[in-house]
N, C-alpha and C. Protein backbone atom coordinates (compact mmCIF):
# COMPACT_ATOMS: atom_id res chain seq x y z
N UNK A 1 131.47 137.36 69.06
CA UNK A 1 132.51 137.79 69.99
C UNK A 1 133.86 137.18 69.62
N UNK A 2 133.84 135.87 69.26
CA UNK A 2 135.07 135.18 68.91
C UNK A 2 135.70 135.82 67.68
N UNK A 3 134.88 136.18 66.68
CA UNK A 3 135.41 136.82 65.46
C UNK A 3 136.02 138.17 65.79
N UNK A 4 135.39 138.91 66.73
CA UNK A 4 135.91 140.22 67.13
C UNK A 4 137.26 140.07 67.80
N UNK A 5 137.38 139.06 68.69
CA UNK A 5 138.65 138.82 69.38
C UNK A 5 139.75 138.49 68.37
N UNK A 6 139.45 137.62 67.42
CA UNK A 6 140.44 137.26 66.41
C UNK A 6 140.82 138.45 65.55
N UNK A 7 139.86 139.30 65.23
CA UNK A 7 140.14 140.49 64.41
C UNK A 7 141.03 141.46 65.16
N UNK A 8 140.78 141.63 66.45
CA UNK A 8 141.60 142.55 67.25
C UNK A 8 143.02 142.06 67.38
N UNK A 9 143.20 140.76 67.58
CA UNK A 9 144.53 140.20 67.75
C UNK A 9 145.35 140.35 66.47
N UNK A 10 144.72 140.21 65.31
CA UNK A 10 145.45 140.19 64.05
C UNK A 10 145.45 141.52 63.31
N UNK A 11 144.96 142.58 63.94
CA UNK A 11 144.88 143.86 63.23
C UNK A 11 146.24 144.53 63.18
N UNK A 12 146.80 144.74 61.97
CA UNK A 12 148.09 145.44 61.88
C UNK A 12 147.90 146.95 61.95
N UNK A 13 148.90 147.63 62.47
CA UNK A 13 148.91 149.08 62.47
C UNK A 13 149.52 149.53 61.15
N UNK A 14 148.96 150.53 60.47
CA UNK A 14 149.50 150.95 59.18
C UNK A 14 150.98 151.32 59.27
N UNK A 15 151.72 151.02 58.20
CA UNK A 15 153.15 151.31 58.14
C UNK A 15 153.39 152.81 58.06
N UNK A 16 154.46 153.26 58.69
CA UNK A 16 154.85 154.66 58.64
C UNK A 16 155.86 154.85 57.51
N UNK A 17 155.92 156.04 56.96
CA UNK A 17 156.83 156.31 55.85
C UNK A 17 158.29 156.24 56.32
N UNK A 18 159.17 155.81 55.41
CA UNK A 18 160.59 155.70 55.73
C UNK A 18 161.41 156.31 54.61
N UNK A 19 162.26 157.26 54.94
CA UNK A 19 163.15 157.84 53.93
C UNK A 19 164.41 158.37 54.61
N UNK A 20 165.49 158.36 53.85
CA UNK A 20 166.78 158.83 54.35
C UNK A 20 167.43 159.69 53.28
N UNK A 21 168.15 160.71 53.71
CA UNK A 21 169.06 161.42 52.81
C UNK A 21 170.44 160.93 53.22
N UNK A 22 171.03 160.01 52.44
CA UNK A 22 172.25 159.35 52.90
C UNK A 22 173.48 160.24 52.95
N UNK A 23 173.58 161.19 52.00
CA UNK A 23 174.74 162.08 51.93
C UNK A 23 174.48 163.13 50.87
N UNK A 24 175.42 164.06 50.74
CA UNK A 24 175.38 165.04 49.66
C UNK A 24 176.50 164.71 48.68
N UNK A 25 176.21 164.85 47.40
CA UNK A 25 177.25 164.64 46.39
C UNK A 25 178.25 165.79 46.43
N UNK A 26 179.48 165.48 46.08
CA UNK A 26 180.56 166.47 46.08
C UNK A 26 181.07 166.63 44.65
N UNK A 27 181.23 167.88 44.22
CA UNK A 27 181.83 168.17 42.91
C UNK A 27 183.20 168.79 43.16
N UNK A 28 184.23 168.22 42.53
CA UNK A 28 185.59 168.74 42.71
C UNK A 28 186.13 169.26 41.39
N UNK A 29 187.12 170.14 41.48
CA UNK A 29 187.76 170.72 40.29
C UNK A 29 189.25 170.41 40.34
N UNK A 30 189.69 169.35 39.64
CA UNK A 30 191.10 168.93 39.70
C UNK A 30 192.08 169.98 39.19
N UNK A 31 191.61 170.97 38.44
CA UNK A 31 192.52 172.00 37.93
C UNK A 31 193.10 172.85 39.05
N UNK A 32 192.45 172.87 40.20
CA UNK A 32 192.93 173.66 41.35
C UNK A 32 193.82 172.84 42.29
N UNK A 33 194.22 171.64 41.89
CA UNK A 33 194.97 170.75 42.77
C UNK A 33 196.35 171.31 43.11
N UNK A 34 196.68 171.19 44.41
CA UNK A 34 198.04 171.55 44.85
C UNK A 34 198.77 170.30 45.37
N UNK A 35 198.09 169.14 45.24
CA UNK A 35 198.70 167.88 45.65
C UNK A 35 198.69 167.63 47.15
N UNK A 36 198.11 168.54 47.92
CA UNK A 36 198.08 168.39 49.38
C UNK A 36 196.63 168.23 49.82
N UNK A 37 196.33 167.14 50.49
CA UNK A 37 194.97 166.89 50.96
C UNK A 37 194.75 167.38 52.37
N UNK A 38 193.50 167.42 52.80
CA UNK A 38 193.17 167.89 54.15
C UNK A 38 193.53 166.88 55.25
N UNK A 39 193.45 167.33 56.48
CA UNK A 39 193.64 166.44 57.62
C UNK A 39 192.50 165.43 57.68
N UNK A 40 192.65 164.44 58.52
CA UNK A 40 191.65 163.37 58.64
C UNK A 40 190.36 163.88 59.26
N UNK A 41 189.27 163.20 58.93
CA UNK A 41 187.97 163.48 59.55
C UNK A 41 187.96 162.92 60.97
N UNK A 42 187.02 163.37 61.75
CA UNK A 42 186.82 162.84 63.10
C UNK A 42 185.41 162.25 63.15
N UNK A 43 185.29 161.00 63.60
CA UNK A 43 183.98 160.39 63.77
C UNK A 43 183.46 160.76 65.15
N UNK A 44 182.43 161.59 65.17
CA UNK A 44 181.84 162.04 66.43
C UNK A 44 180.98 160.94 67.03
N UNK A 45 180.28 160.22 66.16
CA UNK A 45 179.42 159.13 66.63
C UNK A 45 179.23 158.13 65.49
N UNK A 46 179.08 156.86 65.85
CA UNK A 46 178.80 155.80 64.88
C UNK A 46 177.66 154.97 65.44
N UNK A 47 176.62 154.78 64.66
CA UNK A 47 175.48 153.98 65.12
C UNK A 47 175.12 152.96 64.06
N UNK A 48 174.83 151.73 64.51
CA UNK A 48 174.40 150.66 63.61
C UNK A 48 172.97 150.30 63.99
N UNK A 49 172.07 150.36 63.01
CA UNK A 49 170.66 149.99 63.22
C UNK A 49 170.37 148.82 62.29
N UNK A 50 169.77 147.77 62.84
CA UNK A 50 169.47 146.57 62.06
C UNK A 50 167.99 146.49 61.76
N UNK A 51 167.64 145.67 60.74
CA UNK A 51 166.25 145.39 60.46
C UNK A 51 165.61 144.72 61.66
N UNK A 52 164.30 144.88 61.80
CA UNK A 52 163.60 144.27 62.93
C UNK A 52 162.24 143.77 62.47
N UNK A 53 161.75 142.76 63.17
CA UNK A 53 160.44 142.22 62.86
C UNK A 53 159.34 143.08 63.43
N UNK A 54 158.08 142.70 63.19
CA UNK A 54 156.95 143.48 63.70
C UNK A 54 156.99 143.57 65.22
N UNK A 55 156.51 144.68 65.74
CA UNK A 55 156.46 144.90 67.19
C UNK A 55 155.02 144.78 67.64
N UNK A 56 154.79 143.98 68.68
CA UNK A 56 153.44 143.79 69.20
C UNK A 56 153.18 144.83 70.26
N UNK A 57 152.07 145.57 70.08
CA UNK A 57 151.66 146.58 71.05
C UNK A 57 150.23 146.26 71.46
N UNK A 58 150.06 145.61 72.60
CA UNK A 58 148.73 145.19 73.02
C UNK A 58 148.24 144.09 72.08
N UNK A 59 147.12 144.35 71.44
CA UNK A 59 146.56 143.38 70.49
C UNK A 59 146.89 143.73 69.05
N UNK A 60 147.67 144.78 68.84
CA UNK A 60 147.99 145.22 67.49
C UNK A 60 149.43 144.87 67.16
N UNK A 61 149.67 144.67 65.87
CA UNK A 61 151.02 144.42 65.38
C UNK A 61 151.48 145.68 64.67
N UNK A 62 152.52 146.33 65.19
CA UNK A 62 153.01 147.58 64.61
C UNK A 62 154.18 147.31 63.68
N UNK A 63 154.08 147.82 62.48
CA UNK A 63 155.16 147.72 61.51
C UNK A 63 155.42 149.09 60.91
N UNK A 64 156.62 149.28 60.39
CA UNK A 64 156.92 150.50 59.66
C UNK A 64 157.61 150.11 58.36
N UNK A 65 157.66 151.06 57.44
CA UNK A 65 158.35 150.77 56.17
C UNK A 65 159.86 150.76 56.36
N UNK A 66 160.34 151.08 57.56
CA UNK A 66 161.79 151.04 57.86
C UNK A 66 162.20 149.71 58.51
N UNK A 67 161.25 148.82 58.75
CA UNK A 67 161.57 147.59 59.49
C UNK A 67 162.63 146.74 58.80
N UNK A 68 162.69 146.79 57.46
CA UNK A 68 163.66 145.96 56.76
C UNK A 68 164.91 146.73 56.34
N UNK A 69 165.11 147.90 56.94
CA UNK A 69 166.25 148.76 56.57
C UNK A 69 167.35 148.66 57.61
N UNK A 70 168.55 148.29 57.16
CA UNK A 70 169.73 148.36 58.00
C UNK A 70 170.48 149.63 57.64
N UNK A 71 171.16 150.21 58.63
CA UNK A 71 171.91 151.43 58.32
C UNK A 71 173.06 151.64 59.30
N UNK A 72 174.11 152.23 58.73
CA UNK A 72 175.25 152.66 59.53
C UNK A 72 175.28 154.19 59.41
N UNK A 73 175.20 154.87 60.53
CA UNK A 73 175.20 156.33 60.54
C UNK A 73 176.53 156.82 61.09
N UNK A 74 177.23 157.61 60.27
CA UNK A 74 178.52 158.18 60.66
C UNK A 74 178.36 159.68 60.85
N UNK A 75 178.39 160.13 62.10
CA UNK A 75 178.39 161.56 62.38
C UNK A 75 179.83 162.04 62.29
N UNK A 76 180.12 162.95 61.35
CA UNK A 76 181.49 163.34 61.07
C UNK A 76 181.75 164.81 61.35
N UNK A 77 182.97 165.08 61.75
CA UNK A 77 183.48 166.44 61.87
C UNK A 77 184.64 166.55 60.87
N UNK A 78 184.44 167.37 59.84
CA UNK A 78 185.46 167.51 58.80
C UNK A 78 186.29 168.77 59.02
N UNK A 79 187.59 168.71 58.69
CA UNK A 79 188.40 169.94 58.76
C UNK A 79 187.88 170.96 57.75
N UNK A 80 188.17 172.23 57.99
CA UNK A 80 187.61 173.33 57.19
C UNK A 80 187.91 173.17 55.70
N UNK A 81 189.08 172.67 55.34
CA UNK A 81 189.44 172.58 53.92
C UNK A 81 188.84 171.37 53.21
N UNK A 82 188.20 170.48 53.94
CA UNK A 82 187.61 169.28 53.33
C UNK A 82 186.18 169.56 52.89
N UNK A 83 185.83 169.08 51.70
CA UNK A 83 184.46 169.21 51.21
C UNK A 83 183.70 167.89 51.33
N UNK A 84 184.41 166.82 51.66
CA UNK A 84 183.77 165.52 51.79
C UNK A 84 184.78 164.44 52.08
N UNK A 85 184.32 163.19 51.94
CA UNK A 85 185.19 162.04 52.19
C UNK A 85 184.96 160.99 51.10
N UNK A 86 186.00 160.23 50.83
CA UNK A 86 185.88 159.04 49.99
C UNK A 86 185.82 157.85 50.93
N UNK A 87 184.87 156.96 50.71
CA UNK A 87 184.66 155.82 51.60
C UNK A 87 184.97 154.53 50.83
N UNK A 88 185.87 153.72 51.38
CA UNK A 88 186.21 152.44 50.77
C UNK A 88 186.20 151.35 51.84
N UNK A 89 186.08 150.11 51.39
CA UNK A 89 186.14 148.97 52.31
C UNK A 89 187.59 148.57 52.50
N UNK A 90 188.04 148.54 53.76
CA UNK A 90 189.42 148.17 54.07
C UNK A 90 189.54 146.70 54.45
N UNK A 91 188.59 146.20 55.24
CA UNK A 91 188.63 144.81 55.70
C UNK A 91 187.22 144.28 55.88
N UNK A 92 187.08 142.95 55.80
CA UNK A 92 185.80 142.31 56.06
C UNK A 92 184.88 142.35 54.85
N UNK A 93 183.62 142.03 55.10
CA UNK A 93 182.61 141.99 54.04
C UNK A 93 181.44 142.88 54.41
N UNK A 94 180.97 143.62 53.43
CA UNK A 94 179.78 144.46 53.64
C UNK A 94 178.54 143.57 53.67
N UNK A 95 177.50 144.00 54.38
CA UNK A 95 176.25 143.25 54.30
C UNK A 95 175.73 143.22 52.87
N UNK A 96 175.07 142.15 52.51
CA UNK A 96 174.54 142.04 51.14
C UNK A 96 173.59 143.21 50.87
N UNK A 97 173.83 143.88 49.75
CA UNK A 97 172.97 145.01 49.37
C UNK A 97 173.51 146.37 49.76
N UNK A 98 174.57 146.41 50.59
CA UNK A 98 175.15 147.70 50.95
C UNK A 98 176.24 148.06 49.95
N UNK A 99 176.02 149.12 49.23
CA UNK A 99 177.01 149.61 48.28
C UNK A 99 177.59 150.94 48.77
N UNK A 100 178.88 151.09 48.66
CA UNK A 100 179.52 152.33 49.07
C UNK A 100 179.50 153.32 47.91
N UNK A 101 179.43 154.62 48.20
CA UNK A 101 179.44 155.60 47.11
C UNK A 101 180.75 155.53 46.34
N UNK A 102 180.65 155.61 45.01
CA UNK A 102 181.84 155.51 44.16
C UNK A 102 182.67 156.78 44.20
N UNK A 103 182.03 157.91 44.42
CA UNK A 103 182.71 159.20 44.43
C UNK A 103 182.70 159.78 45.84
N UNK A 104 183.52 160.82 46.08
CA UNK A 104 183.48 161.46 47.39
C UNK A 104 182.09 162.02 47.70
N UNK A 105 181.71 161.97 48.97
CA UNK A 105 180.42 162.49 49.41
C UNK A 105 180.62 163.33 50.66
N UNK A 106 179.66 164.21 50.91
CA UNK A 106 179.70 165.06 52.10
C UNK A 106 178.56 164.67 53.03
N UNK A 107 178.75 164.88 54.33
CA UNK A 107 177.66 164.59 55.26
C UNK A 107 176.45 165.48 54.96
N UNK A 108 175.27 164.93 55.17
CA UNK A 108 174.04 165.71 55.12
C UNK A 108 173.59 165.90 56.56
N UNK A 109 173.45 167.14 56.97
CA UNK A 109 173.08 167.46 58.35
C UNK A 109 174.05 166.79 59.34
N UNK A 110 175.33 166.78 58.98
CA UNK A 110 176.37 166.28 59.87
C UNK A 110 176.66 164.80 59.78
N UNK A 111 175.87 164.05 58.99
CA UNK A 111 176.05 162.59 58.99
C UNK A 111 176.00 162.01 57.57
N UNK A 112 176.69 160.90 57.42
CA UNK A 112 176.59 160.06 56.23
C UNK A 112 175.90 158.78 56.66
N UNK A 113 174.85 158.40 55.92
CA UNK A 113 174.08 157.21 56.27
C UNK A 113 174.22 156.19 55.16
N UNK A 114 174.74 155.03 55.51
CA UNK A 114 174.90 153.91 54.57
C UNK A 114 173.74 152.95 54.80
N UNK A 115 172.93 152.71 53.78
CA UNK A 115 171.66 152.00 53.93
C UNK A 115 171.65 150.73 53.07
N UNK A 116 171.02 149.68 53.59
CA UNK A 116 170.82 148.45 52.82
C UNK A 116 169.55 147.75 53.30
N UNK A 117 169.04 146.84 52.49
CA UNK A 117 167.87 146.04 52.89
C UNK A 117 168.36 144.92 53.78
N UNK A 118 167.86 144.91 55.03
CA UNK A 118 168.36 144.00 56.07
C UNK A 118 167.32 142.98 56.51
N UNK A 119 166.17 142.94 55.86
CA UNK A 119 165.05 142.05 56.18
C UNK A 119 164.35 142.46 57.47
N UNK A 120 163.03 142.37 57.45
CA UNK A 120 162.21 142.74 58.60
C UNK A 120 162.09 141.55 59.54
N UNK A 121 163.17 141.28 60.25
CA UNK A 121 163.22 140.15 61.19
C UNK A 121 164.17 140.50 62.33
N UNK A 122 163.94 139.84 63.47
CA UNK A 122 164.85 140.02 64.60
C UNK A 122 166.02 139.06 64.53
N UNK A 123 166.01 138.16 63.55
CA UNK A 123 167.12 137.22 63.37
C UNK A 123 168.11 137.88 62.42
N UNK A 124 169.23 138.36 62.96
CA UNK A 124 170.23 139.09 62.17
C UNK A 124 171.61 138.50 62.38
N UNK A 125 172.36 138.42 61.27
CA UNK A 125 173.73 137.91 61.34
C UNK A 125 174.64 139.02 61.88
N UNK A 126 175.80 138.64 62.43
CA UNK A 126 176.74 139.67 62.91
C UNK A 126 177.35 140.45 61.75
N UNK A 127 177.77 141.67 62.06
CA UNK A 127 178.52 142.50 61.11
C UNK A 127 179.89 142.78 61.69
N UNK A 128 180.90 142.77 60.82
CA UNK A 128 182.26 143.10 61.25
C UNK A 128 183.07 143.47 60.02
N UNK A 129 183.22 144.78 59.80
CA UNK A 129 184.03 145.26 58.68
C UNK A 129 184.65 146.60 59.03
N UNK A 130 185.63 146.99 58.22
CA UNK A 130 186.36 148.24 58.45
C UNK A 130 186.24 149.11 57.21
N UNK A 131 185.83 150.35 57.41
CA UNK A 131 185.76 151.34 56.34
C UNK A 131 186.93 152.30 56.45
N UNK A 132 187.48 152.72 55.33
CA UNK A 132 188.49 153.78 55.32
C UNK A 132 187.84 155.05 54.79
N UNK A 133 187.95 156.11 55.57
CA UNK A 133 187.45 157.42 55.17
C UNK A 133 188.64 158.32 54.88
N UNK A 134 188.69 158.86 53.66
CA UNK A 134 189.74 159.81 53.29
C UNK A 134 189.11 161.14 52.97
N UNK A 135 189.55 162.17 53.65
CA UNK A 135 189.02 163.51 53.37
C UNK A 135 189.44 163.94 51.98
N UNK A 136 188.59 164.79 51.37
CA UNK A 136 188.84 165.28 50.02
C UNK A 136 188.60 166.79 50.02
N UNK A 137 189.50 167.54 49.37
CA UNK A 137 189.30 168.99 49.27
C UNK A 137 188.62 169.34 47.95
N UNK A 138 188.39 170.63 47.73
CA UNK A 138 187.64 171.08 46.55
C UNK A 138 188.32 170.74 45.24
N UNK A 139 189.64 170.48 45.27
CA UNK A 139 190.37 170.10 44.07
C UNK A 139 190.41 168.59 43.87
N UNK A 140 189.86 167.83 44.82
CA UNK A 140 189.88 166.37 44.72
C UNK A 140 191.10 165.74 45.34
N UNK A 141 191.97 166.57 45.97
CA UNK A 141 193.14 166.01 46.65
C UNK A 141 192.68 165.24 47.88
N UNK A 142 193.15 164.00 48.01
CA UNK A 142 192.77 163.18 49.15
C UNK A 142 193.76 163.37 50.29
N UNK A 143 193.22 163.43 51.49
CA UNK A 143 194.04 163.66 52.67
C UNK A 143 194.28 162.40 53.47
N UNK A 144 194.42 162.59 54.75
CA UNK A 144 194.73 161.49 55.67
C UNK A 144 193.58 160.50 55.74
N UNK A 145 193.93 159.23 55.93
CA UNK A 145 192.93 158.17 56.05
C UNK A 145 192.54 157.96 57.51
N UNK A 146 191.31 157.58 57.70
CA UNK A 146 190.80 157.22 59.02
C UNK A 146 190.07 155.90 58.86
N UNK A 147 190.50 154.87 59.60
CA UNK A 147 189.83 153.58 59.57
C UNK A 147 188.73 153.55 60.63
N UNK A 148 187.55 153.09 60.22
CA UNK A 148 186.39 153.04 61.12
C UNK A 148 185.91 151.59 61.19
N UNK A 149 185.93 151.03 62.39
CA UNK A 149 185.47 149.65 62.61
C UNK A 149 183.95 149.67 62.82
N UNK A 150 183.25 148.87 62.01
CA UNK A 150 181.79 148.76 62.13
C UNK A 150 181.48 147.33 62.58
N UNK A 151 180.86 147.21 63.75
CA UNK A 151 180.54 145.89 64.29
C UNK A 151 179.14 145.88 64.86
N UNK A 152 178.49 144.74 64.72
CA UNK A 152 177.19 144.50 65.35
C UNK A 152 177.11 143.02 65.66
N UNK A 153 176.75 142.63 66.89
CA UNK A 153 176.75 141.22 67.25
C UNK A 153 175.66 140.40 66.58
N UNK A 154 174.67 141.06 65.96
CA UNK A 154 173.55 140.32 65.40
C UNK A 154 172.70 139.77 66.52
N UNK A 155 171.88 138.76 66.20
CA UNK A 155 170.97 138.21 67.20
C UNK A 155 171.44 136.86 67.73
N UNK A 156 172.61 136.42 67.29
CA UNK A 156 173.10 135.12 67.75
C UNK A 156 172.45 133.96 67.00
N UNK A 157 171.72 134.27 65.91
CA UNK A 157 171.15 133.20 65.09
C UNK A 157 169.75 132.79 65.44
N UNK A 158 169.16 133.37 66.50
CA UNK A 158 167.79 133.02 66.82
C UNK A 158 167.11 134.20 67.49
N UNK A 159 165.80 134.18 67.49
CA UNK A 159 165.05 135.24 68.16
C UNK A 159 163.78 134.62 68.71
N UNK A 160 163.61 134.72 70.02
CA UNK A 160 162.42 134.15 70.64
C UNK A 160 161.50 135.25 71.15
N UNK A 161 161.86 136.49 70.99
CA UNK A 161 161.03 137.58 71.48
C UNK A 161 160.84 138.63 70.41
N UNK A 162 159.91 139.53 70.65
CA UNK A 162 159.61 140.57 69.69
C UNK A 162 160.77 141.51 69.51
N UNK A 163 161.34 141.95 70.59
CA UNK A 163 162.52 142.80 70.57
C UNK A 163 163.48 142.29 71.62
N UNK A 164 164.78 142.52 71.45
CA UNK A 164 165.71 142.06 72.48
C UNK A 164 165.29 142.58 73.85
N UNK A 165 165.19 141.66 74.82
CA UNK A 165 164.86 142.06 76.18
C UNK A 165 163.37 142.13 76.44
N UNK A 166 162.54 141.89 75.42
CA UNK A 166 161.09 141.94 75.62
C UNK A 166 160.53 140.53 75.51
N UNK A 167 159.41 140.27 76.21
CA UNK A 167 158.82 138.94 76.12
C UNK A 167 158.22 138.69 74.75
N UNK A 168 158.00 137.42 74.45
CA UNK A 168 157.38 137.06 73.18
C UNK A 168 155.99 137.65 73.09
N UNK A 169 155.49 137.93 71.88
CA UNK A 169 154.19 138.55 71.74
C UNK A 169 153.07 137.70 72.32
N UNK A 170 152.11 138.35 72.96
CA UNK A 170 151.02 137.65 73.61
C UNK A 170 149.87 137.33 72.67
N UNK A 171 149.82 137.96 71.49
CA UNK A 171 148.70 137.79 70.57
C UNK A 171 148.37 136.35 70.26
N UNK A 172 149.32 135.55 69.73
CA UNK A 172 149.01 134.14 69.43
C UNK A 172 148.60 133.36 70.67
N UNK A 173 149.19 133.65 71.82
CA UNK A 173 148.83 132.97 73.05
C UNK A 173 147.39 133.27 73.43
N UNK A 174 146.97 134.53 73.27
CA UNK A 174 145.59 134.90 73.57
C UNK A 174 144.60 134.14 72.70
N UNK A 175 144.93 133.97 71.42
CA UNK A 175 144.06 133.22 70.51
C UNK A 175 143.91 131.79 70.98
N UNK A 176 145.02 131.15 71.35
CA UNK A 176 144.98 129.76 71.82
C UNK A 176 144.18 129.66 73.11
N UNK A 177 144.41 130.56 74.07
CA UNK A 177 143.68 130.53 75.34
C UNK A 177 142.19 130.76 75.13
N UNK A 178 141.83 131.71 74.26
CA UNK A 178 140.42 131.98 74.00
C UNK A 178 139.75 130.79 73.34
N UNK A 179 140.44 130.15 72.39
CA UNK A 179 139.88 128.98 71.71
C UNK A 179 139.70 127.84 72.71
N UNK A 180 140.67 127.65 73.61
CA UNK A 180 140.57 126.60 74.62
C UNK A 180 139.42 126.84 75.57
N UNK A 181 139.22 128.09 75.99
CA UNK A 181 138.13 128.43 76.90
C UNK A 181 136.78 128.17 76.23
N UNK A 182 136.66 128.54 74.96
CA UNK A 182 135.40 128.31 74.25
C UNK A 182 135.12 126.82 74.10
N UNK A 183 136.16 126.04 73.81
CA UNK A 183 135.99 124.60 73.65
C UNK A 183 135.56 123.97 74.98
N UNK A 184 136.19 124.37 76.10
CA UNK A 184 135.82 123.82 77.41
C UNK A 184 134.37 124.18 77.75
N UNK A 185 133.98 125.40 77.42
CA UNK A 185 132.61 125.85 77.72
C UNK A 185 131.59 125.03 76.92
N UNK A 186 131.91 124.80 75.63
CA UNK A 186 130.99 124.02 74.79
C UNK A 186 130.85 122.60 75.33
N UNK A 187 131.97 121.99 75.73
CA UNK A 187 131.92 120.63 76.27
C UNK A 187 131.12 120.58 77.57
N UNK A 188 131.31 121.61 78.43
CA UNK A 188 130.57 121.65 79.69
C UNK A 188 129.08 121.78 79.41
N UNK A 189 128.71 122.59 78.41
CA UNK A 189 127.29 122.75 78.07
C UNK A 189 126.70 121.44 77.56
N UNK A 190 127.51 120.67 76.80
CA UNK A 190 127.02 119.40 76.27
C UNK A 190 126.82 118.37 77.36
N UNK A 191 127.57 118.44 78.46
CA UNK A 191 127.47 117.46 79.53
C UNK A 191 126.35 117.76 80.52
N UNK A 192 125.83 118.97 80.54
CA UNK A 192 124.78 119.33 81.49
C UNK A 192 123.51 118.54 81.18
N UNK A 193 122.90 118.04 82.23
CA UNK A 193 121.63 117.33 82.00
C UNK A 193 120.55 118.32 81.56
N UNK A 194 119.72 117.91 80.69
CA UNK A 194 118.64 118.78 80.22
C UNK A 194 117.33 118.31 80.84
N UNK A 195 116.45 119.24 81.15
CA UNK A 195 115.12 118.90 81.73
C UNK A 195 114.22 118.36 80.63
N UNK A 196 113.45 117.31 80.98
CA UNK A 196 112.55 116.74 79.99
C UNK A 196 111.14 116.97 80.40
C-alpha cells in the first residue's frame, strides 16, 4: 500500500506538444520604392507569458513541453499598404535567448510571437524593455514608428506556491503525513503487550 501511495504521488502526467508559428517572412522588391512608407501599425493586444514550473493536479504532476517557453504575443492591425513590420529594440534589455527577427516580418493569423527559453520555474525575473515597430511596404519602404512597452513584474524573486494565487502542492506533504502515520502505527504495535 505504501509503495502504491508513493507511486501515485510521484506520477507525472505526460508532456503535451508545444509549437508556435512566430511570424511570416516578408519579401520586398526595392525596385518599386517610392520613398514613402506606410502609416504606423496598431497594437490590438499585447500578452506576456512566462515559463512556469510543474502544476500539481491531485496526486499527479502535470507538465507540458511549453513550461519553459516565454513569449510576447503582439496582435497587430496593419494599414492596407503595409506587408509587415521591422522590429528593433529601443530601450532596455531583452530576456536571454530572445532574438528579434533581422528582416521585416508579417503577423501570422494576426499576431507576431516572440519566443525564448524562460526556464520551467515559477521564479521569474522582471521584464522591462521597449520595442520599435516600423511598418514596411512591398518595396521595403519603412513607415512610421510605433514604440511598444513590454513589461512583466516577474515573481519577485521567490515562489512558494505552484502557481500565483494557488497553495503549495500537497504531494510532498501527503508523503510526509503517510510516513508519519505508518511510523506511529508501527511503534504502537511494538508497545502492545503480547499474550504468552
